[in-house]
C-alpha cells in the first residue's frame, strides 16, 4: 500500500505509461525539489494535495495550473502501474517512507531522488559497503581482476554496490555473489526485466541481492541515466573502486 505522500510524488514525477495513454510533462527532480521546498515553508507534505482543499494561496496557485491538474488526475494510471509492479515483486518508496534509502537523504540532500523503485530486501540499502563503477568494454584480464575484488569484498563482509551493466559492474557483482556476499544493483534501465531474470531470483529470495532504480521500471538504457546512476552508487557505499 503506497503512502499518500508517495502517491502524490508518483503522480507528479513518474511517467506512468500504461497502454497507449500519453503521459503529461511530469516534474523533473529539480522542479519537484522546488515544489517540496514550497510546501516546507508552510510545514506541509505532498499528501496535502489529496487530503485537503484548504491550501495556502502560493501552493494553490501552483497546483491549480493545467500541468499539475493533468498530472494529479492520473489516478487510474497510477493504480494500473502499481498493480503491475506488485505482480513483479517491485516495491516503490518515496522520501518519507521507511523503505527509502536513508543514505540518499544523508549524502545527496536536496538532490536525493523523489522516488526509488526496487525489489529485494530494503534493509540492505542502509548497510554501506564497497561501491564499484567501471567500463562496459574491458578485456578478460580486467574482468577476472574485478571478480576477485568482488570476492574479497564478500569475504570481508562488505556489501558490493554496483550498476549491473556488462563489464566491470557485472564482474564485481558476480564475484561477490559467487562468494556468498550481498549485492546491491543500482540500475539505469529495465528493473522490470531484471526482477524476473532467472539468475537474480534465487539471490533476491535469499535476501542477498537488492535491485533498485530511480527511473521508470520499464525504462530503456541511455547514457544520461547511466551517469546519474553512478552518483547513487557512491551515495550508498562507504568505500569505492573505479
Protein backbone atom coordinates (compact mmCIF):
# COMPACT_ATOMS: atom_id res chain seq x y z
CA UNK A 1 0.00 0.00 0.00
CA UNK A 2 1.53 3.30 -1.07
CA UNK A 3 1.60 6.15 1.41
CA UNK A 4 -0.33 9.29 0.39
CA UNK A 5 2.97 11.21 0.07
CA UNK A 6 4.36 8.62 -2.32
CA UNK A 7 1.15 8.54 -4.34
CA UNK A 8 1.36 12.28 -4.94
CA UNK A 9 5.07 12.09 -5.72
CA UNK A 10 4.46 9.38 -8.33
CA UNK A 11 1.62 11.33 -9.88
CA UNK A 12 3.84 14.39 -10.22
CA UNK A 13 7.13 12.80 -11.26
CA UNK A 14 6.62 9.33 -12.77
CA UNK A 15 5.84 8.60 -16.44
CA UNK A 16 3.15 6.00 -15.53
CA UNK A 17 2.84 4.93 -19.15
CA UNK A 18 0.06 2.34 -19.42
CA UNK A 19 -1.35 1.08 -22.70
CA UNK A 20 -1.41 3.80 -25.34
CA UNK A 21 -2.09 6.70 -22.97
CA UNK A 22 0.38 9.54 -23.44
CA UNK A 23 1.98 10.84 -20.27
CA UNK A 24 1.85 14.57 -19.47
CA UNK A 25 5.04 16.52 -18.85
CA UNK A 26 5.95 15.25 -15.37
CA UNK A 27 8.10 17.27 -12.97
CA UNK A 28 11.86 16.92 -13.13
CA UNK A 29 13.77 16.15 -9.92
CA UNK A 30 14.77 19.82 -9.68
CA UNK A 31 11.19 21.01 -10.15
CA UNK A 32 9.94 18.54 -7.57
CA UNK A 33 12.58 19.70 -5.09
CA UNK A 34 11.40 23.29 -5.50
CA UNK A 35 7.82 22.12 -5.00
CA UNK A 36 8.79 20.31 -1.77
CA UNK A 37 10.61 23.41 -0.58
CA UNK A 38 7.49 25.49 -1.18
CA UNK A 39 5.40 23.02 0.85
CA UNK A 40 8.00 23.03 3.63
CA UNK A 41 7.58 26.80 4.03
CA UNK A 42 4.06 26.04 5.27
CA UNK A 43 5.02 22.83 7.14
CA UNK A 44 3.13 20.71 4.60
CA UNK A 45 3.78 17.32 2.96
CA UNK A 46 2.81 16.29 -0.62
CA UNK A 47 -0.17 14.28 0.68
CA UNK A 48 -1.96 17.54 1.41
CA UNK A 49 -2.81 17.74 -2.29
CA UNK A 50 -5.18 14.78 -1.98
CA UNK A 51 -6.28 15.21 1.62
CA UNK A 52 -7.13 18.91 1.86
CA UNK A 53 -8.75 21.64 -0.20
CA UNK A 54 -7.60 24.35 2.20
CA UNK A 55 -4.20 25.19 0.72
CA UNK A 56 -2.08 28.32 1.13
CA UNK A 57 -2.52 30.77 -1.72
CA UNK A 58 1.01 30.16 -3.04
CA UNK A 59 0.53 26.39 -3.17
CA UNK A 60 -2.99 26.56 -4.57
CA UNK A 61 -1.84 28.90 -7.34
CA UNK A 62 0.75 26.33 -8.41
CA UNK A 63 -1.25 23.12 -8.24
CA UNK A 64 -4.28 24.58 -9.98
CA UNK A 65 -2.30 25.08 -13.20
CA UNK A 66 -3.15 22.81 -16.15
CA UNK A 67 0.11 20.89 -15.84
CA UNK A 68 -0.39 19.97 -12.19
CA UNK A 69 -4.06 19.13 -12.71
CA UNK A 70 -3.23 16.77 -15.57
CA UNK A 71 -0.55 15.05 -13.51
CA UNK A 72 -2.68 14.72 -10.38
CA UNK A 73 -5.57 13.40 -12.47
CA UNK A 74 -3.72 10.20 -13.39
CA UNK A 75 -5.15 8.09 -10.56
CA UNK A 76 -6.27 5.22 -12.78
CA UNK A 77 -2.86 5.08 -14.49
CA UNK A 78 -1.18 5.01 -11.09
CA UNK A 79 -3.39 2.12 -9.95
CA UNK A 80 -2.60 0.11 -13.08
CA UNK A 81 1.12 0.77 -12.79
CA UNK A 82 1.28 -0.20 -9.10
CA UNK A 83 -0.67 -3.41 -9.75
CA UNK A 84 1.76 -4.36 -12.50
CA UNK A 85 4.85 -3.56 -10.38
CA UNK A 86 3.42 -5.55 -7.49
CA UNK A 87 2.96 -8.56 -9.79
CA UNK A 88 6.74 -8.43 -10.39
CA UNK A 89 7.52 -8.00 -6.66
CA UNK A 90 8.69 -4.43 -7.30
CA UNK A 91 8.23 -2.01 -4.40
CA UNK A 92 8.12 1.78 -4.53
CA UNK A 93 9.37 4.20 -1.87
CA UNK A 94 9.22 7.97 -1.52
CA UNK A 95 11.46 10.10 0.67
CA UNK A 96 9.15 9.92 3.69
CA UNK A 97 8.78 6.11 3.54
CA UNK A 98 10.65 3.73 5.83
CA UNK A 99 11.94 1.72 2.84
CA UNK A 100 13.60 4.75 1.23
CA UNK A 101 17.44 4.54 1.42
CA UNK A 102 18.47 6.85 4.24
CA UNK A 103 21.90 7.32 2.68
CA UNK A 104 20.39 9.16 -0.27
CA UNK A 105 18.99 11.81 2.08
CA UNK A 106 22.18 11.96 4.17
CA UNK A 107 24.63 12.20 1.28
CA UNK A 108 22.63 13.84 -1.52
CA UNK A 109 20.47 16.27 0.50
CA UNK A 110 18.17 18.19 -1.89
CA UNK A 111 19.50 16.13 -4.81
CA UNK A 112 18.11 12.87 -3.41
CA UNK A 113 15.72 11.26 -5.92
CA UNK A 114 11.99 11.71 -5.17
CA UNK A 115 11.16 8.04 -5.84
CA UNK A 116 13.06 4.76 -5.65
CA UNK A 117 11.77 1.54 -7.26
CA UNK A 118 13.24 -1.76 -6.17
CA UNK A 119 12.98 -5.44 -5.47
CA UNK A 120 14.64 -7.37 -2.69
CA UNK A 121 15.44 -6.58 0.93
CA UNK A 122 15.30 -2.83 1.64
CA UNK A 123 17.42 -3.22 4.80
CA UNK A 124 20.43 -3.99 2.63
CA UNK A 125 20.33 -0.43 1.28
CA UNK A 126 21.45 1.01 4.62
CA UNK A 127 24.43 -1.26 5.26
CA UNK A 128 27.06 0.68 3.27
CA UNK A 129 29.77 -1.29 1.51
CA UNK A 130 32.14 -1.27 -1.46
CA UNK A 131 30.99 0.75 -4.49
CA UNK A 132 32.38 -0.39 -7.86
CA UNK A 133 31.92 1.51 -11.12
CA UNK A 134 33.73 0.83 -14.39
CA UNK A 135 33.69 0.42 -18.14
CA UNK A 136 31.42 -1.83 -20.15
CA UNK A 137 34.04 -2.91 -22.69
CA UNK A 138 37.03 -4.44 -20.90
CA UNK A 139 39.50 -7.24 -21.57
CA UNK A 140 39.22 -10.66 -19.88
CA UNK A 141 42.11 -9.97 -17.50
CA UNK A 142 40.38 -6.93 -16.04
CA UNK A 143 37.11 -8.88 -15.74
CA UNK A 144 38.93 -11.55 -13.72
CA UNK A 145 40.61 -8.92 -11.55
CA UNK A 146 37.26 -7.26 -10.83
CA UNK A 147 35.62 -10.57 -9.96
CA UNK A 148 38.38 -11.03 -7.39
CA UNK A 149 37.60 -7.58 -5.97
CA UNK A 150 34.01 -8.73 -5.51
CA UNK A 151 35.15 -11.96 -3.86
CA UNK A 152 37.44 -10.11 -1.47
CA UNK A 153 34.64 -7.71 -0.57
CA UNK A 154 32.33 -10.62 0.21
CA UNK A 155 34.96 -12.29 2.41
CA UNK A 156 35.36 -9.00 4.28
CA UNK A 157 31.58 -8.93 4.81
CA UNK A 158 31.23 -5.78 2.70
CA UNK A 159 28.08 -5.35 0.62
CA UNK A 160 29.06 -4.92 -3.05
CA UNK A 161 27.30 -1.99 -4.73
CA UNK A 162 27.44 -1.55 -8.49
CA UNK A 163 25.38 -0.72 -11.54
CA UNK A 164 24.51 -4.05 -13.12
CA UNK A 165 25.92 -3.11 -16.53
CA UNK A 166 28.02 -5.55 -18.53
CA UNK A 167 31.75 -5.41 -18.00
CA UNK A 168 33.16 -4.18 -14.69
CA UNK A 169 29.82 -3.81 -12.90
CA UNK A 170 28.61 -7.33 -13.57
CA UNK A 171 32.04 -8.81 -12.88
CA UNK A 172 32.21 -7.26 -9.41
CA UNK A 173 28.65 -8.30 -8.59
CA UNK A 174 29.22 -11.82 -9.89
CA UNK A 175 32.39 -12.26 -7.83
CA UNK A 176 30.64 -11.12 -4.65
CA UNK A 177 27.56 -13.27 -5.23
CA UNK A 178 29.59 -16.39 -6.04
CA UNK A 179 31.45 -15.97 -2.75
CA UNK A 180 28.24 -15.75 -0.73
CA UNK A 181 28.29 -11.97 -0.38
CA UNK A 182 25.45 -9.49 -0.52
CA UNK A 183 24.96 -7.28 -3.57
CA UNK A 184 23.09 -4.10 -4.46
CA UNK A 185 22.48 -3.35 -8.12
CA UNK A 186 21.64 0.28 -8.91
CA UNK A 187 20.17 0.04 -12.40
CA UNK A 188 19.98 2.61 -15.17
CA UNK A 189 17.41 0.62 -17.15
CA UNK A 190 14.67 -2.01 -17.01
CA UNK A 191 14.17 -3.06 -13.41
CA UNK A 192 11.15 -4.96 -14.75
CA UNK A 193 13.40 -7.24 -16.79
CA UNK A 194 15.97 -7.65 -14.02
CA UNK A 195 13.26 -8.51 -11.47
CA UNK A 196 12.20 -11.61 -13.42
CA UNK A 197 15.68 -12.65 -14.55
CA UNK A 198 16.20 -16.30 -13.61
CA UNK A 199 19.74 -15.64 -12.42
CA UNK A 200 18.54 -12.98 -9.98
CA UNK A 201 15.53 -14.72 -8.49
CA UNK A 202 17.32 -17.02 -6.03
CA UNK A 203 19.55 -14.19 -4.78
CA UNK A 204 16.53 -11.91 -4.34
CA UNK A 205 14.63 -14.61 -2.48
CA UNK A 206 17.61 -15.28 -0.19
CA UNK A 207 17.95 -11.54 0.60
CA UNK A 208 21.45 -11.49 -0.89
CA UNK A 209 20.54 -9.17 -3.78
CA UNK A 210 18.62 -5.93 -3.87
CA UNK A 211 17.95 -4.15 -7.16
CA UNK A 212 16.89 -0.52 -7.33
CA UNK A 213 16.40 2.25 -9.86
CA UNK A 214 15.21 5.84 -9.76
CA UNK A 215 13.93 5.62 -13.33
CA UNK A 216 10.68 4.11 -14.53
CA UNK A 217 10.96 0.31 -14.13
CA UNK A 218 10.35 -0.17 -17.87
CA UNK A 219 12.86 2.50 -18.98
CA UNK A 220 15.44 1.58 -21.61
CA UNK A 221 19.12 2.40 -21.37
CA UNK A 222 20.51 5.84 -22.12
CA UNK A 223 23.85 7.45 -21.28
CA UNK A 224 22.28 10.22 -19.17
CA UNK A 225 20.62 7.69 -16.88
CA UNK A 226 23.89 5.77 -16.52
CA UNK A 227 25.80 8.88 -15.43
CA UNK A 228 23.12 9.80 -12.89
CA UNK A 229 23.13 6.23 -11.60
CA UNK A 230 26.82 6.43 -10.65
CA UNK A 231 26.15 9.17 -8.07
CA UNK A 232 23.59 6.90 -6.42
CA UNK A 233 26.07 4.04 -6.23
CA UNK A 234 28.60 6.24 -4.45
CA UNK A 235 25.93 7.58 -2.08
CA UNK A 236 25.14 4.03 -0.90
CA UNK A 237 28.76 2.99 -0.35
CA UNK A 238 31.45 3.54 2.24
CA UNK A 239 34.38 2.54 0.01
CA UNK A 240 34.79 2.93 -3.73
CA UNK A 241 36.71 1.27 -6.55
CA UNK A 242 36.57 2.82 -10.03
